[in-house]
Amino acid sequence: MNTEQREQFYRSEVFGSSTNQHMNFRCTKALRNWLCTQALMERRDYGSVIRRLLTWAAEQEGFDRNGI
């Protein structure tokens, strides 16, 4: 994703479906550090970065974020 696509995702997240579900997952320390660093570089919460990356990967597998 380029910078414009990232910003478009973050804007759509604000006006899209509510994020009222909570889910925990385990990851390596290196991945956690990378996610936190990426969030700092994008000036976002690391949860937003995780949602963006997870949504992108899920769409590659057939997930439709506009579906029900």
Protein backbone atom coordinates (compact mmCIF):
# COMPACT_ATOMS: atom_id res chain seq x y z
CA MET A 1 0.00 0.00 0.00
CA ASN A 2 1.23 3.43 -0.80
CA THR A 3 0.73 6.46 1.46
CA GLU A 4 -2.45 7.58 -0.31
CA GLN A 5 -4.02 4.11 0.00
CA ARG A 6 -3.15 4.04 3.71
CA GLU A 7 -4.79 7.40 4.30
CA GLN A 8 -7.86 6.29 2.34
CA PHE A 9 -8.11 3.18 4.53
CA TYR A 10 -7.82 5.20 7.75
CA ARG A 11 -10.49 7.66 6.54
CA SER A 12 -12.83 4.81 5.59
CA GLU A 13 -12.28 3.24 9.00
CA VAL A 14 -13.68 6.35 10.69
CA PHE A 15 -16.82 6.43 8.52
CA GLY A 16 -17.20 2.68 7.96
CA SER A 17 -18.36 -0.12 10.20
CA SER A 18 -17.92 0.32 13.91
CA THR A 19 -15.01 -1.44 15.57
CA ASN A 20 -16.86 -2.85 18.55
CA GLN A 21 -15.25 -6.28 18.64
CA HIS A 22 -12.10 -7.03 20.60
CA MET A 23 -9.62 -9.76 19.72
CA ASN A 24 -6.22 -10.60 21.19
CA PHE A 25 -3.44 -12.43 19.44
CA ARG A 26 0.11 -13.44 20.21
CA CYS A 27 3.06 -12.39 18.08
CA THR A 28 6.82 -12.33 18.30
CA LYS A 29 8.63 -9.49 19.99
CA ALA A 30 10.19 -8.54 16.65
CA LEU A 31 6.76 -8.26 15.00
CA ARG A 32 5.40 -6.26 17.93
CA ASN A 33 8.35 -3.87 17.71
CA TRP A 34 7.87 -3.50 13.97
CA LEU A 35 4.13 -2.81 14.37
CA CYS A 36 4.77 -0.19 17.05
CA THR A 37 7.51 1.44 14.97
CA GLN A 38 5.27 1.45 11.89
CA ALA A 39 2.54 3.12 13.96
CA LEU A 40 4.96 5.81 15.09
CA MET A 41 6.07 6.46 11.51
CA GLU A 42 2.45 6.69 10.32
CA ARG A 43 1.42 8.71 13.39
CA ARG A 44 -1.32 6.21 14.16
CA ASP A 45 -2.29 3.91 16.99
CA TYR A 46 -0.70 0.49 16.54
CA GLY A 47 -4.20 -1.03 16.59
CA SER A 48 -5.02 0.96 13.44
CA VAL A 49 -1.92 -0.37 11.72
CA ILE A 50 -2.79 -3.93 12.71
CA ARG A 51 -6.36 -3.52 11.40
CA ARG A 52 -5.10 -2.06 8.11
CA LEU A 53 -2.58 -4.85 7.54
CA LEU A 54 -4.97 -7.58 8.65
CA THR A 55 -7.77 -6.24 6.44
CA TRP A 56 -5.41 -6.02 3.46
CA ALA A 57 -4.22 -9.62 3.99
CA ALA A 58 -7.79 -10.87 4.46
CA GLU A 59 -8.87 -9.19 1.23
CA GLN A 60 -6.11 -11.09 -0.56
CA GLU A 61 -7.83 -14.27 0.72
CA GLY A 62 -11.32 -13.22 -0.39
CA PHE A 63 -12.62 -11.08 2.50
CA ASP A 64 -15.04 -8.32 1.45
CA ARG A 65 -14.88 -5.46 3.92
CA ASN A 66 -18.04 -3.98 2.41
CA GLY A 67 -19.95 -7.23 2.83
CA ILE A 68 -22.23 -8.13 5.68
